[in-house]
Amino acid sequence: MTVTVSNLQPIIAILAGILILIAPRLLNYIVAIYLIVVGLIGLGVLRHFS
């Protein structure tokens, strides 16, 4: 697997989402869930949403 910008963005989004979940505030949870979902869609894990 080659790492390109299109592969790197979803990975960064997932990592940022996980890190934001560590600091528990309502906005942080909303942003974290959004980042995780966008990351999963970008990696192709949730294919039917893209």
N, C-alpha and C. Protein backbone atom coordinates (compact mmCIF):
# COMPACT_ATOMS: atom_id res chain seq x y z
N MET A 1 0.85 -1.19 0.00
CA MET A 1 0.00 0.00 0.00
C MET A 1 0.88 1.24 0.00
N THR A 2 0.64 2.11 -0.93
CA THR A 2 1.37 3.37 -0.97
C THR A 2 0.57 4.43 -0.23
N VAL A 3 1.29 5.29 0.45
CA VAL A 3 0.65 6.35 1.22
C VAL A 3 0.64 7.61 0.38
N THR A 4 -0.57 8.07 0.05
CA THR A 4 -0.72 9.31 -0.71
C THR A 4 -1.47 10.32 0.15
N VAL A 5 -1.64 11.51 -0.37
CA VAL A 5 -2.36 12.55 0.37
C VAL A 5 -3.80 12.12 0.63
N SER A 6 -4.40 11.44 -0.36
CA SER A 6 -5.78 11.01 -0.18
C SER A 6 -5.90 9.94 0.88
N ASN A 7 -4.86 9.15 1.12
CA ASN A 7 -4.86 8.17 2.20
C ASN A 7 -4.48 8.80 3.53
N LEU A 8 -3.68 9.84 3.49
CA LEU A 8 -3.18 10.45 4.71
C LEU A 8 -4.25 11.29 5.42
N GLN A 9 -5.09 11.98 4.68
CA GLN A 9 -6.12 12.82 5.29
C GLN A 9 -7.08 12.03 6.19
N PRO A 10 -7.62 10.91 5.74
CA PRO A 10 -8.52 10.16 6.63
C PRO A 10 -7.81 9.63 7.88
N ILE A 11 -6.57 9.24 7.74
CA ILE A 11 -5.82 8.74 8.90
C ILE A 11 -5.63 9.85 9.91
N ILE A 12 -5.28 11.04 9.44
CA ILE A 12 -5.11 12.19 10.33
C ILE A 12 -6.44 12.55 10.98
N ALA A 13 -7.53 12.46 10.21
CA ALA A 13 -8.85 12.77 10.77
C ALA A 13 -9.21 11.79 11.88
N ILE A 14 -8.92 10.51 11.68
CA ILE A 14 -9.21 9.52 12.71
C ILE A 14 -8.36 9.78 13.95
N LEU A 15 -7.07 10.03 13.78
CA LEU A 15 -6.20 10.31 14.92
C LEU A 15 -6.62 11.57 15.66
N ALA A 16 -6.97 12.61 14.92
CA ALA A 16 -7.43 13.85 15.56
C ALA A 16 -8.72 13.60 16.32
N GLY A 17 -9.61 12.81 15.75
CA GLY A 17 -10.85 12.49 16.43
C GLY A 17 -10.62 11.74 17.73
N ILE A 18 -9.72 10.78 17.71
CA ILE A 18 -9.42 10.01 18.92
C ILE A 18 -8.78 10.91 19.97
N LEU A 19 -7.88 11.79 19.56
CA LEU A 19 -7.23 12.70 20.51
C LEU A 19 -8.23 13.69 21.11
N ILE A 20 -9.17 14.15 20.30
CA ILE A 20 -10.16 15.09 20.81
C ILE A 20 -11.09 14.41 21.82
N LEU A 21 -11.35 13.11 21.64
CA LEU A 21 -12.20 12.38 22.59
C LEU A 21 -11.59 12.34 23.98
N ILE A 22 -10.29 12.49 24.09
CA ILE A 22 -9.61 12.47 25.39
C ILE A 22 -10.02 13.70 26.22
N ALA A 23 -10.25 14.84 25.56
CA ALA A 23 -10.67 16.07 26.25
C ALA A 23 -12.19 16.17 26.18
N PRO A 24 -12.90 15.70 27.21
CA PRO A 24 -14.36 15.55 27.10
C PRO A 24 -15.16 16.85 27.28
N ARG A 25 -15.57 17.41 26.21
CA ARG A 25 -16.51 18.51 26.19
C ARG A 25 -17.48 18.22 25.05
N LEU A 26 -18.67 18.77 25.11
CA LEU A 26 -19.70 18.45 24.12
C LEU A 26 -19.23 18.76 22.70
N LEU A 27 -18.67 19.93 22.48
CA LEU A 27 -18.20 20.29 21.14
C LEU A 27 -17.10 19.35 20.70
N ASN A 28 -16.23 18.99 21.62
CA ASN A 28 -15.16 18.07 21.28
C ASN A 28 -15.70 16.72 20.83
N TYR A 29 -16.76 16.24 21.49
CA TYR A 29 -17.36 14.96 21.08
C TYR A 29 -17.96 15.06 19.68
N ILE A 30 -18.64 16.16 19.42
CA ILE A 30 -19.25 16.33 18.10
C ILE A 30 -18.18 16.37 17.01
N VAL A 31 -17.14 17.14 17.23
CA VAL A 31 -16.07 17.25 16.25
C VAL A 31 -15.35 15.91 16.11
N ALA A 32 -15.13 15.21 17.22
CA ALA A 32 -14.44 13.92 17.18
C ALA A 32 -15.24 12.89 16.38
N ILE A 33 -16.53 12.82 16.62
CA ILE A 33 -17.36 11.87 15.88
C ILE A 33 -17.35 12.20 14.40
N TYR A 34 -17.44 13.48 14.07
CA TYR A 34 -17.39 13.90 12.68
C TYR A 34 -16.06 13.50 12.02
N LEU A 35 -14.97 13.75 12.70
CA LEU A 35 -13.66 13.42 12.14
C LEU A 35 -13.49 11.92 11.95
N ILE A 36 -13.95 11.14 12.89
CA ILE A 36 -13.84 9.69 12.79
C ILE A 36 -14.67 9.17 11.62
N VAL A 37 -15.90 9.68 11.48
CA VAL A 37 -16.76 9.23 10.38
C VAL A 37 -16.17 9.63 9.04
N VAL A 38 -15.69 10.87 8.92
CA VAL A 38 -15.08 11.32 7.67
C VAL A 38 -13.84 10.48 7.36
N GLY A 39 -13.07 10.15 8.38
CA GLY A 39 -11.90 9.31 8.17
C GLY A 39 -12.26 7.92 7.69
N LEU A 40 -13.28 7.32 8.28
CA LEU A 40 -13.71 5.98 7.87
C LEU A 40 -14.27 5.99 6.45
N ILE A 41 -15.03 7.02 6.11
CA ILE A 41 -15.55 7.14 4.75
C ILE A 41 -14.40 7.33 3.76
N GLY A 42 -13.43 8.14 4.14
CA GLY A 42 -12.28 8.39 3.26
C GLY A 42 -11.44 7.15 3.03
N LEU A 43 -11.35 6.28 4.03
CA LEU A 43 -10.60 5.04 3.86
C LEU A 43 -11.40 3.96 3.14
N GLY A 44 -12.67 4.19 2.95
CA GLY A 44 -13.51 3.23 2.26
C GLY A 44 -14.15 2.20 3.15
N VAL A 45 -14.05 2.38 4.46
CA VAL A 45 -14.65 1.43 5.40
C VAL A 45 -16.16 1.55 5.34
N LEU A 46 -16.68 2.76 5.23
CA LEU A 46 -18.11 3.00 5.11
C LEU A 46 -18.41 3.39 3.67
N ARG A 47 -18.39 2.43 2.77
CA ARG A 47 -18.50 2.70 1.33
C ARG A 47 -19.86 3.27 0.92
N HIS A 48 -20.93 2.85 1.55
CA HIS A 48 -22.26 3.27 1.09
C HIS A 48 -22.61 4.71 1.46
N PHE A 49 -21.78 5.40 2.24
CA PHE A 49 -22.04 6.80 2.56
C PHE A 49 -21.34 7.76 1.61
N SER A 50 -20.36 7.28 0.89
CA SER A 50 -19.58 8.18 0.02
C SER A 50 -20.24 8.37 -1.33
